C-alpha atoms as a PDB file:
ATOM      1  CA  MET A   1       9.959  -1.076  -7.174  1.00  0.00           C
ATOM      2  CA  ASP A   2      11.734  -3.197  -4.587  1.00  0.00           C
ATOM      3  CA  HIS A   3      12.560  -1.003  -1.589  1.00  0.00           C
ATOM      4  CA  THR A   4      13.766  -3.869   0.619  1.00  0.00           C
ATOM      5  CA  ARG A   5      17.198  -3.919  -0.997  1.00  0.00           C
ATOM      6  CA  ASN A   6      17.739  -0.325   0.207  1.00  0.00           C
ATOM      7  CA  ILE A   7      17.161  -1.125   3.884  1.00  0.00           C
ATOM      8  CA  PHE A   8      20.817  -0.750   4.906  1.00  0.00           C
ATOM      9  CA  GLN A   9      21.696   2.008   2.463  1.00  0.00           C
ATOM     10  CA  GLU A  10      22.566   5.290   4.171  1.00  0.00           C
ATOM     11  CA  HIS A  11      21.212   8.625   2.987  1.00  0.00           C
ATOM     12  CA  LYS A  12      22.408  12.079   3.951  1.00  0.00           C
ATOM     13  CA  ILE A  13      19.815  14.769   4.591  1.00  0.00           C
ATOM     14  CA  THR A  14      20.245  18.435   5.508  1.00  0.00           C
ATOM     15  CA  PHE A  15      18.156  20.356   8.006  1.00  0.00           C
ATOM     16  CA  VAL A  16      15.827  23.029   6.596  1.00  0.00           C
ATOM     17  CA  GLU A  17      13.529  24.154   9.392  1.00  0.00           C
ATOM     18  CA  ARG A  18      11.665  23.316  12.575  1.00  0.00           C
ATOM     19  CA  ARG A  19       7.957  24.219  12.464  1.00  0.00           C
ATOM     20  CA  HIS A  20       5.987  24.583  15.664  1.00  0.00           C
ATOM     21  CA  GLU A  21       2.642  22.784  15.380  1.00  0.00           C
ATOM     22  CA  TYR A  22       1.293  23.054  18.947  1.00  0.00           C
ATOM     23  CA  GLY A  23       2.505  22.521  22.500  1.00  0.00           C
ATOM     24  CA  SER A  24       5.623  20.360  22.394  1.00  0.00           C
ATOM     25  CA  VAL A  25       4.943  19.061  18.871  1.00  0.00           C
ATOM     26  CA  TYR A  26       7.098  20.154  15.933  1.00  0.00           C
ATOM     27  CA  THR A  27       7.593  19.202  12.311  1.00  0.00           C
ATOM     28  CA  TYR A  28      11.205  18.810  11.240  1.00  0.00           C
ATOM     29  CA  VAL A  29      11.790  19.527   7.564  1.00  0.00           C
ATOM     30  CA  TRP A  30      14.818  18.068   5.789  1.00  0.00           C
ATOM     31  CA  LYS A  31      16.212  18.158   2.260  1.00  0.00           C
ATOM     32  CA  PRO A  32      17.652  14.894   0.889  1.00  0.00           C
ATOM     33  CA  ILE A  33      21.079  15.232  -0.721  1.00  0.00           C
ATOM     34  CA  GLU A  34      20.194  12.369  -3.060  1.00  0.00           C
ATOM     35  CA  PRO A  35      16.806  10.688  -3.650  1.00  0.00           C
ATOM     36  CA  VAL A  36      15.574   8.621  -0.695  1.00  0.00           C
ATOM     37  CA  LEU A  37      13.481   5.643  -1.797  1.00  0.00           C
ATOM     38  CA  PHE A  38      10.731   4.683   0.615  1.00  0.00           C
ATOM     39  CA  MET A  39       7.095   3.648   0.580  1.00  0.00           C
ATOM     40  CA  ALA A  40       4.293   5.701   2.075  1.00  0.00           C
ATOM     41  CA  GLY A  41       3.713   4.778   5.712  1.00  0.00           C
ATOM     42  CA  GLN A  42       7.249   3.560   6.408  1.00  0.00           C
ATOM     43  CA  TYR A  43       9.621   4.677   9.148  1.00  0.00           C
ATOM     44  CA  VAL A  44      13.380   5.214   9.239  1.00  0.00           C
ATOM     45  CA  HIS A  45      16.283   5.343  11.663  1.00  0.00           C
ATOM     46  CA  VAL A  46      17.740   8.852  11.989  1.00  0.00           C
ATOM     47  CA  ARG A  47      21.306   9.366  13.210  1.00  0.00           C
ATOM     48  CA  LEU A  48      22.239  12.850  14.374  1.00  0.00           C
ATOM     49  CA  GLU A  49      25.784  14.167  14.284  1.00  0.00           C
ATOM     50  CA  GLY A  50      27.718  15.892  17.038  1.00  0.00           C
ATOM     51  CA  LEU A  51      26.371  14.011  20.045  1.00  0.00           C
ATOM     52  CA  PRO A  52      28.856  13.077  22.805  1.00  0.00           C
ATOM     53  CA  GLU A  53      30.405   9.616  22.768  1.00  0.00           C
ATOM     54  CA  GLY A  54      28.246   7.098  24.610  1.00  0.00           C
ATOM     55  CA  VAL A  55      25.012   8.989  23.916  1.00  0.00           C
ATOM     56  CA  LYS A  56      22.480   7.173  21.768  1.00  0.00           C
ATOM     57  CA  ALA A  57      22.494   9.065  18.466  1.00  0.00           C
ATOM     58  CA  VAL A  58      19.747   7.119  16.651  1.00  0.00           C
ATOM     59  CA  ARG A  59      15.969   7.246  16.874  1.00  0.00           C
ATOM     60  CA  GLU A  60      13.112   5.980  14.706  1.00  0.00           C
ATOM     61  CA  PHE A  61      10.700   8.346  12.979  1.00  0.00           C
ATOM     62  CA  SER A  62       7.821   7.727  10.603  1.00  0.00           C
ATOM     63  CA  PHE A  63       7.767   9.709   7.386  1.00  0.00           C
ATOM     64  CA  ALA A  64       5.056  12.376   7.463  1.00  0.00           C
ATOM     65  CA  SER A  65       5.915  13.257   3.870  1.00  0.00           C
ATOM     66  CA  ALA A  66       5.077  11.151   0.836  1.00  0.00           C
ATOM     67  CA  PRO A  67       7.684   9.583  -1.478  1.00  0.00           C
ATOM     68  CA  HIS A  68       7.053  12.209  -4.175  1.00  0.00           C
ATOM     69  CA  ASP A  69       7.545  15.191  -1.862  1.00  0.00           C
ATOM     70  CA  PRO A  70      10.764  17.178  -2.426  1.00  0.00           C
ATOM     71  CA  GLU A  71      11.298  17.521   1.329  1.00  0.00           C
ATOM     72  CA  ILE A  72      11.246  14.928   4.113  1.00  0.00           C
ATOM     73  CA  TRP A  73       9.014  15.634   7.103  1.00  0.00           C
ATOM     74  CA  PHE A  74       9.063  14.099  10.567  1.00  0.00           C
ATOM     75  CA  GLY A  75       6.464  14.954  13.205  1.00  0.00           C
ATOM     76  CA  VAL A  76       8.062  14.965  16.669  1.00  0.00           C
ATOM     77  CA  ASP A  77       6.681  15.335  20.190  1.00  0.00           C
ATOM     78  CA  GLN A  78       9.492  17.034  22.110  1.00  0.00           C
ATOM     79  CA  HIS A  79       8.328  16.509  25.675  1.00  0.00           C
ATOM     80  CA  SER A  80      11.462  14.722  26.894  1.00  0.00           C
ATOM     81  CA  GLU A  81      14.843  16.219  27.799  1.00  0.00           C
ATOM     82  CA  SER A  82      17.138  13.597  26.301  1.00  0.00           C
ATOM     83  CA  SER A  83      20.455  14.509  24.689  1.00  0.00           C
ATOM     84  CA  TYR A  84      19.021  13.506  21.324  1.00  0.00           C
ATOM     85  CA  GLN A  85      16.034  15.770  21.920  1.00  0.00           C
ATOM     86  CA  LYS A  86      18.216  18.717  22.850  1.00  0.00           C
ATOM     87  CA  LYS A  87      20.335  18.208  19.740  1.00  0.00           C
ATOM     88  CA  LEU A  88      17.190  18.280  17.603  1.00  0.00           C
ATOM     89  CA  GLN A  89      16.191  21.583  19.182  1.00  0.00           C
ATOM     90  CA  GLU A  90      19.639  23.051  18.522  1.00  0.00           C
ATOM     91  CA  LEU A  91      19.812  22.130  14.830  1.00  0.00           C
ATOM     92  CA  VAL A  92      20.706  24.980  12.487  1.00  0.00           C
ATOM     93  CA  PHE A  93      20.033  25.300   8.776  1.00  0.00           C
ATOM     94  CA  GLY A  94      22.318  23.083   6.702  1.00  0.00           C
ATOM     95  CA  GLU A  95      23.302  20.617   9.436  1.00  0.00           C
ATOM     96  CA  SER A  96      23.267  17.029   8.258  1.00  0.00           C
ATOM     97  CA  ALA A  97      21.868  13.756   9.555  1.00  0.00           C
ATOM     98  CA  THR A  98      21.885  10.194   8.253  1.00  0.00           C
ATOM     99  CA  LEU A  99      18.918   8.000   7.391  1.00  0.00           C
ATOM    100  CA  PHE A 100      19.181   4.207   7.331  1.00  0.00           C
ATOM    101  CA  LYS A 101      17.097   1.052   7.866  1.00  0.00           C
ATOM    102  CA  ILE A 102      13.891   2.132   6.177  1.00  0.00           C
ATOM    103  CA  LYS A 103      11.182  -0.278   7.316  1.00  0.00           C
ATOM    104  CA  GLY A 104       7.429  -0.486   7.687  1.00  0.00           C
ATOM    105  CA  HIS A 105       4.612  -2.194   9.565  1.00  0.00           C
ATOM    106  CA  LEU A 106       1.712  -0.817   7.503  1.00  0.00           C
ATOM    107  CA  SER A 107       0.716  -2.343   4.156  1.00  0.00           C
ATOM    108  CA  TRP A 108       0.380   0.012   1.209  1.00  0.00           C
ATOM    109  CA  PRO A 109      -1.187   0.300  -1.284  1.00  0.00           C
ATOM    110  CA  LEU A 110      -4.302  -1.614  -0.270  1.00  0.00           C
ATOM    111  CA  GLN A 111      -7.020  -3.213  -2.362  1.00  0.00           C
ATOM    112  CA  THR A 112      -9.721  -2.959   0.278  1.00  0.00           C
ATOM    113  CA  ASP A 113     -11.302  -0.552   2.760  1.00  0.00           C
ATOM    114  CA  VAL A 114      -8.923   0.738   5.405  1.00  0.00           C
ATOM    115  CA  VAL A 115      -9.588   2.236   8.828  1.00  0.00           C
ATOM    116  CA  MET A 116      -6.684   4.234  10.231  1.00  0.00           C
ATOM    117  CA  ILE A 117      -6.627   4.903  13.973  1.00  0.00           C
ATOM    118  CA  ALA A 118      -4.000   7.305  15.284  1.00  0.00           C
ATOM    119  CA  GLY A 119      -3.072   8.568  18.716  1.00  0.00           C
ATOM    120  CA  GLY A 120      -1.543  12.065  18.716  1.00  0.00           C
ATOM    121  CA  VAL A 121       1.674  12.259  16.687  1.00  0.00           C
ATOM    122  CA  GLY A 122       1.018   8.670  15.601  1.00  0.00           C
ATOM    123  CA  VAL A 123      -0.930  10.194  12.720  1.00  0.00           C
ATOM    124  CA  THR A 124       2.269  10.964  10.767  1.00  0.00           C
ATOM    125  CA  PRO A 125       2.440   7.768   8.635  1.00  0.00           C
ATOM    126  CA  PHE A 126      -1.188   8.274   7.628  1.00  0.00           C
ATOM    127  CA  ARG A 127      -0.375  11.710   6.238  1.00  0.00           C
ATOM    128  CA  SER A 128       2.305  10.031   4.127  1.00  0.00           C
ATOM    129  CA  ILE A 129      -0.077   7.312   2.961  1.00  0.00           C
ATOM    130  CA  LEU A 130      -2.937   9.645   2.103  1.00  0.00           C
ATOM    131  CA  ARG A 131      -0.720  12.112   0.246  1.00  0.00           C
ATOM    132  CA  ASP A 132       0.538   9.173  -1.792  1.00  0.00           C
ATOM    133  CA  ALA A 133      -3.034   8.044  -2.480  1.00  0.00           C
ATOM    134  CA  GLN A 134      -3.970  11.537  -3.641  1.00  0.00           C
ATOM    135  CA  ARG A 135      -0.912  11.825  -5.875  1.00  0.00           C
ATOM    136  CA  LYS A 136      -1.632   8.481  -7.553  1.00  0.00           C
ATOM    137  CA  SER A 137      -5.418   8.995  -7.677  1.00  0.00           C
ATOM    138  CA  LEU A 138      -5.882   5.663  -5.912  1.00  0.00           C
ATOM    139  CA  MET A 139      -9.466   4.520  -5.504  1.00  0.00           C
ATOM    140  CA  ILE A 140      -9.546   3.687  -1.799  1.00  0.00           C
ATOM    141  CA  ASP A 141     -12.190   3.912   0.888  1.00  0.00           C
ATOM    142  CA  ALA A 142     -10.235   5.267   3.845  1.00  0.00           C
ATOM    143  CA  THR A 143     -11.411   6.376   7.280  1.00  0.00           C
ATOM    144  CA  LEU A 144      -9.089   8.114   9.735  1.00  0.00           C
ATOM    145  CA  LEU A 145      -9.958   8.336  13.430  1.00  0.00           C
ATOM    146  CA  HIS A 146      -7.507  10.725  15.077  1.00  0.00           C
ATOM    147  CA  ILE A 147      -7.493  10.634  18.873  1.00  0.00           C
ATOM    148  CA  SER A 148      -5.987  13.557  20.764  1.00  0.00           C
ATOM    149  CA  ASN A 149      -6.585  15.483  23.957  1.00  0.00           C
ATOM    150  CA  GLN A 150      -6.873  18.889  22.321  1.00  0.00           C
ATOM    151  CA  ASN A 151      -4.858  19.586  19.154  1.00  0.00           C
ATOM    152  CA  TYR A 152      -4.774  17.508  15.978  1.00  0.00           C
ATOM    153  CA  LEU A 153      -1.518  17.298  14.057  1.00  0.00           C
ATOM    154  CA  TYR A 154      -1.878  18.029  10.302  1.00  0.00           C
ATOM    155  CA  GLU A 155      -5.623  18.542  10.748  1.00  0.00           C
ATOM    156  CA  LYS A 156      -5.876  20.996   7.833  1.00  0.00           C
ATOM    157  CA  ASP A 157      -4.077  18.563   5.530  1.00  0.00           C
ATOM    158  CA  PHE A 158      -6.475  15.719   6.259  1.00  0.00           C
ATOM    159  CA  TYR A 159      -9.483  17.806   5.262  1.00  0.00           C
ATOM    160  CA  THR A 160      -7.975  18.061   1.755  1.00  0.00           C
ATOM    161  CA  LEU A 161      -6.937  14.409   1.414  1.00  0.00           C
ATOM    162  CA  PRO A 162      -8.999  11.397   0.205  1.00  0.00           C
ATOM    163  CA  VAL A 163     -10.198  10.205   3.600  1.00  0.00           C
ATOM    164  CA  THR A 164     -13.185  10.403   5.932  1.00  0.00           C
ATOM    165  CA  TYR A 165     -11.524  12.335   8.746  1.00  0.00           C
ATOM    166  CA  ILE A 166     -12.914  11.936  12.275  1.00  0.00           C
ATOM    167  CA  LYS A 167     -11.485  13.756  15.279  1.00  0.00           C
ATOM    168  CA  GLY A 168     -11.959  12.109  18.644  1.00  0.00           C
ATOM    169  CA  ALA A 169     -10.883  12.444  22.258  1.00  0.00           C
ATOM    170  CA  ARG A 170      -9.842   9.777  24.716  1.00  0.00           C
ATOM    171  CA  THR A 171     -13.078  10.398  26.596  1.00  0.00           C
ATOM    172  CA  ASN A 172     -15.225   9.246  23.657  1.00  0.00           C
ATOM    173  CA  LEU A 173     -12.776   6.813  22.099  1.00  0.00           C
ATOM    174  CA  GLU A 174     -14.866   3.679  22.573  1.00  0.00           C
ATOM    175  CA  VAL A 175     -17.989   5.388  21.230  1.00  0.00           C
ATOM    176  CA  GLU A 176     -16.248   6.447  18.022  1.00  0.00           C
ATOM    177  CA  LEU A 177     -14.582   3.051  17.613  1.00  0.00           C
ATOM    178  CA  ALA A 178     -17.864   1.210  18.073  1.00  0.00           C
ATOM    179  CA  LYS A 179     -19.482   3.238  15.285  1.00  0.00           C
ATOM    180  CA  ILE A 180     -16.657   2.472  12.880  1.00  0.00           C
ATOM    181  CA  VAL A 181     -16.493  -1.239  13.716  1.00  0.00           C
ATOM    182  CA  ILE A 182     -20.210  -1.588  12.966  1.00  0.00           C
ATOM    183  CA  GLN A 183     -19.831   0.221   9.644  1.00  0.00           C
ATOM    184  CA  LYS A 184     -16.516  -1.363   8.591  1.00  0.00           C
ATOM    185  CA  PRO A 185     -16.308  -4.934   9.971  1.00  0.00           C
ATOM    186  CA  ASP A 186     -14.312  -6.249   7.000  1.00  0.00           C
ATOM    187  CA  ALA A 187     -11.828  -3.407   6.599  1.00  0.00           C
ATOM    188  CA  ILE A 188      -8.118  -3.542   7.329  1.00  0.00           C
ATOM    189  CA  TYR A 189      -7.457  -1.676  10.571  1.00  0.00           C
ATOM    190  CA  GLN A 190      -4.157   0.186  10.866  1.00  0.00           C
ATOM    191  CA  VAL A 191      -3.252   1.539  14.304  1.00  0.00           C
ATOM    192  CA  ALA A 192      -0.387   3.937  15.066  1.00  0.00           C
ATOM    193  CA  GLY A 193       0.639   5.710  18.250  1.00  0.00           C
ATOM    194  CA  SER A 194       2.403   5.088  21.534  1.00  0.00           C
ATOM    195  CA  PRO A 195       2.847   1.445  22.589  1.00  0.00           C
ATOM    196  CA  LEU A 196       0.125   1.828  25.243  1.00  0.00           C
ATOM    197  CA  PHE A 197      -2.281   3.427  22.763  1.00  0.00           C
ATOM    198  CA  VAL A 198      -1.686   0.703  20.184  1.00  0.00           C
ATOM    199  CA  GLN A 199      -2.113  -2.088  22.729  1.00  0.00           C
ATOM    200  CA  THR A 200      -5.358  -0.550  23.993  1.00  0.00           C
ATOM    201  CA  ILE A 201      -6.863  -0.141  20.521  1.00  0.00           C
ATOM    202  CA  VAL A 202      -5.766  -3.555  19.280  1.00  0.00           C
ATOM    203  CA  GLY A 203      -7.216  -5.175  22.406  1.00  0.00           C
ATOM    204  CA  TYR A 204     -10.525  -3.404  21.854  1.00  0.00           C
ATOM    205  CA  LEU A 205     -10.663  -4.420  18.189  1.00  0.00           C
ATOM    206  CA  HIS A 206      -9.922  -8.055  19.020  1.00  0.00           C
ATOM    207  CA  ALA A 207     -12.724  -7.998  21.588  1.00  0.00           C
ATOM    208  CA  LYS A 208     -15.077  -6.811  18.842  1.00  0.00           C
ATOM    209  CA  GLY A 209     -14.042  -9.620  16.510  1.00  0.00           C
ATOM    210  CA  ILE A 210     -11.734  -7.571  14.279  1.00  0.00           C
ATOM    211  CA  THR A 211      -8.666  -9.610  13.338  1.00  0.00           C
ATOM    212  CA  ASN A 212      -7.318  -7.888  10.209  1.00  0.00           C
ATOM    213  CA  ILE A 213      -5.104  -5.447  12.109  1.00  0.00           C
ATOM    214  CA  GLU A 214      -1.716  -3.856  11.453  1.00  0.00           C
ATOM    215  CA  SER A 215       0.044  -1.667  13.995  1.00  0.00           C
ATOM    216  CA  ASP A 216       2.933   0.768  14.231  1.00  0.00           C
ATOM    217  CA  GLU A 217       4.154   1.558  17.743  1.00  0.00           C
ATOM    218  CA  PHE A 218       5.809   4.957  17.997  1.00  0.00           C
ATOM    219  CA  LYS A 219       8.968   4.481  20.024  1.00  0.00           C
ATOM    220  CA  GLY A 220      10.308   7.816  18.779  1.00  0.00           C
ATOM    221  CA  LEU A 221      12.325   9.443  21.538  1.00  0.00           C
ATOM    222  CA  MET A 222      11.895   6.809  24.231  1.00  0.00           C
ATOM    223  CA  GLU A 223      15.226   6.423  26.032  1.00  0.00           C
ATOM    224  CA  THR A 224      14.757   2.683  26.513  1.00  0.00           C
ATOM    225  CA  MET A 225      13.875   1.920  22.906  1.00  0.00           C
ATOM    226  CA  HIS A 226      15.542  -0.941  21.090  1.00  0.00           C
ATOM    227  CA  ILE A 227      17.024  -0.086  17.721  1.00  0.00           C
ATOM    228  CA  ALA A 228      16.140  -3.040  15.491  1.00  0.00           C
END
């Protein structure tokens, strides 16, 4: 199925609920009014309604849900106090938003081993990918290294999905990475998280001779982000 032709198509979704995961991290659950075609691991531009004129009403979010799921999930770190952020927090059941420009930086499905490295909420596209792999019974050899300071988003889900799930902290990041690089030198490495996290991991991998790398920088709610 060719999803590229749908890149500029707009889709209406309605708000269902806001689930508290931990700290400032929430999952936003939406119901599509009509089917939304996307591939696992992609991200989308989300336009909220009711924001004042002159306020940026669009942000990018990666799908945490898989294409077959009846609901659309976005994992969001709500640490900022932007107008967009406040509007998200004030959403009530049935309010609508618009999705458009569905894009992706991560290849899927893959025909080779894959190592997924996520920083915090950057793990969301990997939940989408691995749920899709489970649904389709894809024969993949996937490893997920999830780096976080304390809590691990969707941790329980990953223990039930087809992946070797490794939890790590920033204090032992290089140790965990070194182990994986030795074991998986020929795998595709997919990195997702904040721009600084992605740059750090990609730089480390290059230094270790890993060149088959894809990355997804989470701009999310950054006020200075560029909507492409």
